[in-house]
Amino acid sequence: MRCPFCQNVDTQVKDSRPAEDHVAIRRRRFCPACGGRFTTYERVQLRDLTVIKSNGRREDFDRDKLERSIRIALQKRPVEPDRRDQMISGIVRRLESMGDTDISSKTIGEIVMESLARIDTVAYVRFASVYKNFQAADDFDKFVSELRPPVTPEE
């Protein structure tokens, strides 16, 4: 592992432990050349995924990009970081186990929305407003009204 500070290729692992509910290994590393310390994470990757964008463009799946978008949706929400990390790992495992290496961005968006809806409604609406590209307040209002349970008139 290359040192991020001095680019030395000979770094040493000082400590390893499970992270993220045992789906990753957290390694503390030390660089003997510059004395720098840093952390790396090792995860199982079942297959290399390719995202098919709505315009047909293809790009490699980026877990960090998924994590950033979910983190933004959950910003200032009462969801524990461990819960968020478990959700992200679950989404990635689900994508990897779908059997196909090419996955549409629409499929990824739907899975993320489904996962967010289960843990935080506000984060779900935040993500959906970007994902569904709301253009006006009416779009937002219509979407939120679909979330509300129907009101039955009292007799």
Foldseek 3Di string as FASTA:
>chain_A
DADPPPRDPDKAWDDWDADLVRQKIKTWIADPVPGDIDIDIGGDQLDWAWEQEPVRDIDTDDLVVVLVLLCVLCPPPPDDPSNSSNLSVVLNVVVRPPPDRYHYVVVSLVSSLVSCVVPDVSSSLVSCCVVVVDDDVVVSVVVVVVVDDDDDDDD
